[in-house]
Amino acid sequence: MPVTTPQSSEIQSLSWSEFLDEWTWYQGEHVTAIGPTKSGKTTLFRELLRIARKERTHPWQVVVATKRRDEILDTFKPDGFVKMSAWNVHDADTYPKVMFAPPLPSAAQKDVQRDQIREALTSIYHQGGWLVLLDELKHIAGYLKLEADVELLLHQGRSAGITVVSAVQRPRHVPLMAYDQADHIFMWESRDSNIRKRLAEIGGKVDPDLIEYGLKRLPSRHAFLYIHPSTGKVIQSEVEL
């Protein structure tokens, strides 16, 4: 049988503003983004969360930051997020936008950060309705061993209107639950063919060859592919920093 070569016409190309105008999501829909540092993931998240607040699809939002000096703190501060080092939200309407940044005293005391994040995720699960941005899923699910807590939000949280936004740098850092449960996937280009192949395997109904084809042809480090796994829709765009 002849080999079918993917066509660029199968990938819709949109400018950054066009993509943001077209973007829509609903409570309980999960997002996974895979891309290296400085690729534009944080800027993307900030804009998507702004849209969600404007459309009131996700009025309660929490960004979980885990690093000692995390750039994401400065990114979301202008949007009126209240920073908390300990979870203290018993009424989401009182604190609808939270930057949760529990301290990491030392590697030997990582259980302190783990317990605080677990307390927050448990509270969020019982309250329902939250959008939870996990900026470093590998750190939270792997290093802090909170995979079961995150999986509970991904699987059981949907019925309570909980949306999980997961960010990782490499596809090997993505637990099965993060892409198996994803309703929206964002991918950035890599020069490593093995990484491109791995990315191509997690696109749901989308042809892996089409994803790999699209990734190789992204024009810059801030360009990305957006994958809608259930419909097979693929869009190319580029974050404007």
Protein backbone atom coordinates (compact mmCIF):
# COMPACT_ATOMS: atom_id res chain seq x y z
CA MET A 1 0.00 0.00 0.00
CA PRO A 2 1.30 3.53 -0.71
CA VAL A 3 2.44 5.61 2.24
CA THR A 4 0.10 8.53 2.94
CA THR A 5 1.91 11.78 3.68
CA PRO A 6 0.12 14.19 6.05
CA GLN A 7 -0.97 17.42 4.45
CA SER A 8 -0.50 20.88 5.94
CA SER A 9 -4.13 21.56 5.02
CA GLU A 10 -5.15 19.16 7.80
CA ILE A 11 -3.71 21.62 10.33
CA GLN A 12 -5.56 24.91 10.76
CA SER A 13 -3.24 27.90 11.14
CA LEU A 14 -4.39 30.78 13.34
CA SER A 15 -2.72 33.89 14.67
CA TRP A 16 -2.45 34.28 18.45
CA SER A 17 -5.42 36.66 18.60
CA GLU A 18 -7.49 34.44 16.30
CA PHE A 19 -6.77 31.41 18.46
CA LEU A 20 -7.78 33.23 21.65
CA ASP A 21 -10.98 34.45 19.97
CA GLU A 22 -11.87 30.90 18.95
CA TRP A 23 -10.86 29.23 22.21
CA THR A 24 -13.58 27.91 24.46
CA TRP A 25 -13.77 25.34 27.23
CA TYR A 26 -16.17 24.21 29.90
CA GLN A 27 -16.00 23.35 33.58
CA GLY A 28 -14.73 19.82 34.05
CA GLU A 29 -12.63 19.86 30.87
CA HIS A 30 -8.94 19.19 31.50
CA VAL A 31 -5.94 20.73 29.74
CA THR A 32 -2.40 19.37 29.38
CA ALA A 33 0.50 21.43 28.01
CA ILE A 34 3.89 19.95 27.13
CA GLY A 35 6.74 22.26 26.29
CA PRO A 36 10.19 23.38 27.44
CA THR A 37 10.96 26.34 29.68
CA LYS A 38 10.46 29.74 27.98
CA SER A 39 8.22 28.25 25.30
CA GLY A 40 5.24 30.38 26.32
CA LYS A 41 3.19 27.99 28.46
CA THR A 42 2.71 30.47 31.31
CA THR A 43 1.59 33.25 28.96
CA LEU A 44 -0.82 30.82 27.31
CA PHE A 45 -2.29 29.83 30.66
CA ARG A 46 -2.70 33.43 31.77
CA GLU A 47 -4.69 34.28 28.66
CA LEU A 48 -6.84 31.15 28.81
CA LEU A 49 -7.67 31.78 32.46
CA ARG A 50 -8.58 35.39 31.65
CA ILE A 51 -10.97 34.17 28.97
CA ALA A 52 -12.50 31.66 31.39
CA ARG A 53 -13.10 34.39 33.97
CA LYS A 54 -14.54 36.74 31.38
CA GLU A 55 -16.95 34.09 30.14
CA ARG A 56 -17.57 32.95 33.74
CA THR A 57 -16.97 29.32 32.84
CA HIS A 58 -14.37 28.96 35.60
CA PRO A 59 -14.93 31.74 38.19
CA TRP A 60 -12.77 30.07 40.87
CA GLN A 61 -9.11 29.61 39.94
CA VAL A 62 -6.03 28.47 41.86
CA VAL A 63 -2.47 28.39 40.55
CA VAL A 64 -0.23 25.97 42.46
CA ALA A 65 3.42 27.14 42.49
CA THR A 66 6.11 24.88 43.93
CA LYS A 67 9.48 26.56 43.35
CA ARG A 68 11.31 28.87 45.74
CA ARG A 69 11.50 31.56 43.07
CA ASP A 70 8.74 30.89 40.61
CA GLU A 71 8.19 33.22 37.64
CA ILE A 72 4.56 32.21 37.55
CA LEU A 73 4.02 34.22 40.75
CA ASP A 74 4.96 37.45 38.95
CA THR A 75 2.92 36.50 35.89
CA PHE A 76 -0.40 36.14 37.69
CA LYS A 77 0.07 38.85 40.33
CA PRO A 78 -1.24 41.68 38.06
CA ASP A 79 -4.46 39.72 37.56
CA GLY A 80 -5.37 40.09 41.22
CA PHE A 81 -4.48 36.62 42.47
CA VAL A 82 -4.17 36.45 46.26
CA LYS A 83 -0.98 34.69 47.35
CA MET A 84 -1.27 32.09 50.10
CA SER A 85 1.51 30.00 51.63
CA ALA A 86 -1.04 27.89 53.54
CA TRP A 87 -4.46 26.90 52.19
CA ASN A 88 -7.11 29.04 53.83
CA VAL A 89 -10.07 29.00 51.43
CA HIS A 90 -13.29 27.82 53.03
CA ASP A 91 -15.50 29.97 50.81
CA ALA A 92 -14.38 30.18 47.19
CA ASP A 93 -16.44 33.32 46.55
CA THR A 94 -14.29 35.14 49.13
CA TYR A 95 -11.03 34.17 47.41
CA PRO A 96 -11.93 33.32 43.78
CA LYS A 97 -8.35 33.80 42.50
CA VAL A 98 -5.60 32.18 44.56
CA MET A 99 -1.86 31.82 44.04
CA PHE A 100 -1.03 28.90 46.33
CA ALA A 101 2.71 28.80 47.02
CA PRO A 102 3.55 26.59 50.01
CA PRO A 103 7.19 26.92 51.10
CA LEU A 104 9.77 24.26 50.33
CA PRO A 105 12.12 24.49 53.35
CA SER A 106 14.60 21.92 52.01
CA ALA A 107 14.72 18.65 50.12
CA ALA A 108 14.86 16.83 53.45
CA GLN A 109 11.60 18.53 54.47
CA LYS A 110 9.64 18.05 51.26
CA ASP A 111 6.93 16.29 53.30
CA VAL A 112 5.93 19.77 54.57
CA GLN A 113 5.14 20.98 51.05
CA ARG A 114 3.53 17.66 50.17
CA ASP A 115 1.15 17.77 53.14
CA GLN A 116 0.15 21.38 52.43
CA ILE A 117 -0.56 20.72 48.75
CA ARG A 118 -2.48 17.56 49.64
CA GLU A 119 -4.61 19.57 52.07
CA ALA A 120 -5.35 22.13 49.36
CA LEU A 121 -6.23 19.51 46.72
CA THR A 122 -8.49 17.69 49.19
CA SER A 123 -10.32 20.93 50.04
CA ILE A 124 -10.66 21.79 46.35
CA TYR A 125 -12.08 18.34 45.62
CA HIS A 126 -14.73 18.64 48.34
CA GLN A 127 -15.66 22.22 47.37
CA GLY A 128 -15.88 21.50 43.63
CA GLY A 129 -16.04 24.11 40.88
CA TRP A 130 -12.34 25.05 40.90
CA LEU A 131 -9.93 25.41 38.00
CA VAL A 132 -6.57 24.10 39.26
CA LEU A 133 -3.37 25.01 37.42
CA LEU A 134 -0.56 22.60 38.33
CA ASP A 135 2.45 24.37 36.90
CA GLU A 136 4.88 21.51 37.65
CA LEU A 137 2.94 18.26 37.43
CA LYS A 138 6.11 16.16 37.51
CA HIS A 139 7.13 17.74 40.82
CA ILE A 140 3.67 17.44 42.36
CA ALA A 141 2.72 13.96 41.14
CA GLY A 142 6.19 12.42 41.10
CA TYR A 143 8.58 14.11 43.51
CA LEU A 144 5.92 14.84 46.14
CA LYS A 145 4.12 11.53 45.41
CA LEU A 146 0.69 13.13 45.05
CA GLU A 147 -0.27 11.26 41.89
CA ALA A 148 -3.30 9.66 43.55
CA ASP A 149 -4.55 13.08 44.72
CA VAL A 150 -4.20 14.57 41.24
CA GLU A 151 -5.82 11.52 39.65
CA LEU A 152 -8.82 11.92 41.96
CA LEU A 153 -9.33 15.46 40.63
CA LEU A 154 -8.93 14.32 37.04
CA HIS A 155 -11.31 11.37 37.26
CA GLN A 156 -13.83 12.17 39.96
CA GLY A 157 -13.59 15.96 39.89
CA ARG A 158 -15.30 16.32 36.51
CA SER A 159 -18.76 15.72 37.99
CA ALA A 160 -18.04 18.49 40.52
CA GLY A 161 -17.02 20.94 37.79
CA ILE A 162 -13.30 20.73 38.58
CA THR A 163 -10.89 21.52 35.73
CA VAL A 164 -7.21 20.56 35.98
CA VAL A 165 -4.59 22.32 33.87
CA SER A 166 -1.32 20.37 33.89
CA ALA A 167 2.04 21.67 32.67
CA VAL A 168 5.15 19.59 32.02
CA GLN A 169 8.39 20.13 30.13
CA ARG A 170 8.85 16.71 28.50
CA PRO A 171 6.43 13.99 27.37
CA ARG A 172 8.13 11.41 29.59
CA HIS A 173 7.10 13.57 32.55
CA VAL A 174 3.42 13.21 31.65
CA PRO A 175 1.62 10.53 33.69
CA LEU A 176 -0.89 8.49 31.74
CA MET A 177 -3.75 10.14 33.64
CA ALA A 178 -2.73 13.63 32.42
CA TYR A 179 -3.16 12.90 28.72
CA ASP A 180 -5.67 10.07 28.99
CA GLN A 181 -8.06 12.50 30.70
CA ALA A 182 -7.13 15.58 28.67
CA ASP A 183 -9.83 17.33 26.65
CA HIS A 184 -7.30 19.84 25.26
CA ILE A 185 -3.58 19.27 24.60
CA PHE A 186 -0.91 21.84 23.73
CA MET A 187 2.47 20.74 22.35
CA TRP A 188 5.65 22.63 21.50
CA GLU A 189 8.32 21.57 19.02
CA SER A 190 11.42 19.61 19.97
CA ARG A 191 14.51 18.96 17.86
CA ASP A 192 14.67 15.49 19.40
CA SER A 193 12.88 13.06 17.07
CA ASN A 194 12.24 10.65 19.96
CA ILE A 195 10.40 13.38 21.87
CA ARG A 196 8.34 14.24 18.78
CA LYS A 197 7.37 10.59 18.38
CA ARG A 198 6.34 10.37 22.02
CA LEU A 199 4.26 13.54 21.69
CA ALA A 200 2.63 12.14 18.57
CA GLU A 201 1.44 9.10 20.53
CA ILE A 202 -0.65 11.04 23.03
CA GLY A 203 -2.96 12.93 20.70
CA GLY A 204 -6.10 10.86 21.14
CA LYS A 205 -7.86 10.27 17.81
CA VAL A 206 -5.40 12.44 15.88
CA ASP A 207 -3.11 10.64 13.44
CA PRO A 208 0.36 10.43 15.08
CA ASP A 209 2.01 11.09 11.71
CA LEU A 210 0.06 14.33 11.39
CA ILE A 211 1.17 15.49 14.84
CA GLU A 212 4.81 14.67 14.15
CA TYR A 213 4.55 16.38 10.76
CA GLY A 214 3.09 19.49 12.40
CA LEU A 215 5.64 19.58 15.21
CA LYS A 216 8.58 19.47 12.79
CA ARG A 217 7.19 22.45 10.90
CA LEU A 218 6.46 24.82 13.76
CA PRO A 219 8.15 28.12 12.84
CA SER A 220 9.53 29.19 16.24
CA ARG A 221 10.08 28.15 19.84
CA HIS A 222 6.84 29.91 20.85
CA ALA A 223 4.71 28.19 18.21
CA PHE A 224 2.54 25.28 19.33
CA LEU A 225 0.09 22.65 18.15
CA TYR A 226 -3.30 22.55 19.80
CA ILE A 227 -4.92 19.10 19.77
CA HIS A 228 -8.58 18.38 20.47
CA PRO A 229 -8.33 14.61 21.06
CA SER A 230 -12.03 13.73 20.81
CA THR A 231 -12.67 15.46 17.47
CA GLY A 232 -9.21 15.21 15.91
CA LYS A 233 -8.95 18.96 15.40
CA VAL A 234 -5.40 20.33 15.09
CA ILE A 235 -4.47 24.03 15.15
CA GLN A 236 -1.09 25.71 14.78
CA SER A 237 -0.57 29.05 16.50
CA GLU A 238 2.14 31.06 18.24
CA VAL A 239 2.17 32.67 21.67
CA GLU A 240 2.85 36.41 21.60
CA LEU A 241 4.95 37.23 24.67
